[in-house]
């Protein structure tokens, strides 16, 4: 029989793995949206050429901030609840991205948004309810 303490440790490890995966994915995506010229982004993804450049940069900054928020507060144990908030924030970002792509008829990319939204929800739920990290 698995004890509650072992279950909690396993959940804690799984949450860390998901946090790192999300941080890497959103960190790279955010950095790319912040630094790559808009015409180059539009050649790769199409949609950045259809919306204001400032919005593309804002999305990139939001993704990069979320990536940092998934790791740094939990790692330093300074305001670790911010890690859960970063997860919840990414849920909103992915929901908006899915709605945006649906409005454009780009249904093939929505599965990606939903998978990452589910992972972000898991982090938000896990770090706020089931396996929170205690502050220093």
Protein backbone atom coordinates (compact mmCIF):
# COMPACT_ATOMS: atom_id res chain seq x y z
CA UNK A 1 0.00 0.00 0.00
CA UNK A 2 1.30 3.45 -0.95
CA UNK A 3 1.27 5.91 1.90
CA UNK A 4 -0.08 9.43 1.61
CA UNK A 5 3.43 10.83 2.15
CA UNK A 6 4.81 8.82 -0.80
CA UNK A 7 1.89 9.94 -2.97
CA UNK A 8 2.60 13.54 -2.03
CA UNK A 9 6.29 13.14 -2.91
CA UNK A 10 5.43 11.57 -6.27
CA UNK A 11 2.98 14.38 -7.02
CA UNK A 12 5.60 16.95 -6.01
CA UNK A 13 8.12 15.40 -8.44
CA UNK A 14 5.57 15.19 -11.26
CA UNK A 15 4.65 18.82 -10.71
CA UNK A 16 8.32 19.84 -10.90
CA UNK A 17 8.72 17.90 -14.17
CA UNK A 18 5.65 19.57 -15.67
CA UNK A 19 6.79 23.00 -14.42
CA UNK A 20 10.17 22.56 -16.11
CA UNK A 21 8.61 21.36 -19.38
CA UNK A 22 6.19 24.29 -19.44
CA UNK A 23 8.93 26.76 -18.46
CA UNK A 24 11.18 25.56 -21.28
CA UNK A 25 8.39 25.62 -23.86
CA UNK A 26 7.01 29.02 -22.89
CA UNK A 27 10.42 30.49 -22.19
CA UNK A 28 11.62 29.64 -25.69
CA UNK A 29 8.36 30.73 -27.33
CA UNK A 30 8.26 33.97 -25.37
CA UNK A 31 11.89 34.80 -26.09
CA UNK A 32 11.32 34.13 -29.78
CA UNK A 33 8.23 36.40 -29.88
CA UNK A 34 10.15 39.13 -28.07
CA UNK A 35 13.31 39.08 -30.17
CA UNK A 36 12.52 37.79 -33.66
CA UNK A 37 11.55 40.39 -36.28
CA UNK A 38 7.80 40.26 -36.98
CA UNK A 39 8.21 39.41 -40.71
CA UNK A 40 10.34 36.39 -39.74
CA UNK A 41 7.74 35.29 -37.16
CA UNK A 42 4.97 35.74 -39.73
CA UNK A 43 6.87 33.50 -42.16
CA UNK A 44 6.96 30.78 -39.50
CA UNK A 45 3.53 31.12 -37.87
CA UNK A 46 1.42 33.42 -40.13
CA UNK A 47 -0.66 35.02 -37.35
CA UNK A 48 2.05 37.45 -36.06
CA UNK A 49 1.73 39.31 -39.36
CA UNK A 50 -2.03 39.72 -38.85
CA UNK A 51 -2.03 41.42 -35.44
CA UNK A 52 -0.25 44.51 -34.09
CA UNK A 53 3.45 43.98 -33.41
CA UNK A 54 3.00 45.34 -29.87
CA UNK A 55 0.51 42.54 -29.14
CA UNK A 56 2.95 39.91 -30.40
CA UNK A 57 5.64 41.36 -28.12
CA UNK A 58 3.18 41.50 -25.18
CA UNK A 59 2.31 37.83 -25.70
CA UNK A 60 6.02 37.01 -25.76
CA UNK A 61 6.67 38.97 -22.57
CA UNK A 62 3.71 37.26 -20.88
CA UNK A 63 4.98 33.82 -21.86
CA UNK A 64 8.50 34.60 -20.69
CA UNK A 65 7.22 35.98 -17.37
CA UNK A 66 5.10 32.86 -16.87
CA UNK A 67 8.11 30.64 -17.60
CA UNK A 68 10.10 32.43 -14.91
CA UNK A 69 7.11 32.33 -12.56
CA UNK A 70 6.80 28.57 -12.93
CA UNK A 71 10.32 28.03 -11.63
CA UNK A 72 11.80 30.89 -9.61
CA UNK A 73 9.25 31.32 -6.79
CA UNK A 74 9.09 27.57 -6.19
CA UNK A 75 12.86 27.14 -6.42
CA UNK A 76 13.70 30.03 -4.10
CA UNK A 77 10.65 29.41 -1.89
CA UNK A 78 10.05 33.17 -1.95
CA UNK A 79 6.31 33.71 -2.50
CA UNK A 80 5.92 30.18 -3.97
CA UNK A 81 2.19 30.75 -4.50
CA UNK A 82 3.29 32.77 -7.53
CA UNK A 83 4.12 29.45 -9.21
CA UNK A 84 0.46 28.44 -8.97
CA UNK A 85 -0.55 31.87 -10.29
CA UNK A 86 1.83 31.42 -13.25
CA UNK A 87 0.08 28.13 -14.00
CA UNK A 88 -3.35 29.76 -13.82
CA UNK A 89 -2.10 32.62 -16.01
CA UNK A 90 -0.96 30.17 -18.66
CA UNK A 91 -4.40 28.53 -18.57
CA UNK A 92 -5.85 31.91 -19.57
CA UNK A 93 -3.19 32.48 -22.24
CA UNK A 94 -3.84 29.04 -23.78
CA UNK A 95 -7.62 29.48 -23.63
CA UNK A 96 -7.31 32.82 -25.45
CA UNK A 97 -4.91 31.28 -27.97
CA UNK A 98 -7.35 28.42 -28.67
CA UNK A 99 -10.22 30.89 -29.15
CA UNK A 100 -8.06 33.06 -31.40
CA UNK A 101 -7.08 30.11 -33.59
CA UNK A 102 -10.66 28.84 -33.69
CA UNK A 103 -11.86 32.26 -34.86
CA UNK A 104 -9.38 32.03 -37.73
CA UNK A 105 -10.32 28.45 -38.63
CA UNK A 106 -6.90 27.16 -37.56
CA UNK A 107 -8.20 24.07 -35.81
CA UNK A 108 -5.05 21.98 -36.17
CA UNK A 109 -3.18 24.08 -33.60
CA UNK A 110 -5.91 24.01 -30.96
CA UNK A 111 -4.93 20.54 -29.70
CA UNK A 112 -1.52 21.99 -28.76
CA UNK A 113 -3.24 24.81 -26.86
CA UNK A 114 -5.51 22.39 -25.01
CA UNK A 115 -2.65 20.07 -23.98
CA UNK A 116 -0.59 22.96 -22.63
CA UNK A 117 -3.68 24.43 -20.98
CA UNK A 118 -4.27 21.11 -19.19
CA UNK A 119 -0.63 20.96 -18.04
CA UNK A 120 -0.81 24.55 -16.79
CA UNK A 121 -4.08 23.78 -14.99
CA UNK A 122 -2.37 20.81 -13.32
CA UNK A 123 0.42 23.09 -12.05
CA UNK A 124 -2.03 25.74 -10.87
CA UNK A 125 -4.17 23.18 -9.07
CA UNK A 126 -1.25 21.16 -7.72
CA UNK A 127 0.75 24.09 -6.39
CA UNK A 128 -2.26 25.83 -4.87
CA UNK A 129 -4.22 22.88 -3.46
CA UNK A 130 -2.55 19.49 -3.46
CA UNK A 131 1.22 19.99 -3.16
CA UNK A 132 1.99 23.60 -2.31
CA UNK A 133 5.55 24.64 -1.63
CA UNK A 134 6.08 26.27 1.74
CA UNK A 135 7.64 29.72 1.85
CA UNK A 136 10.91 30.40 3.64
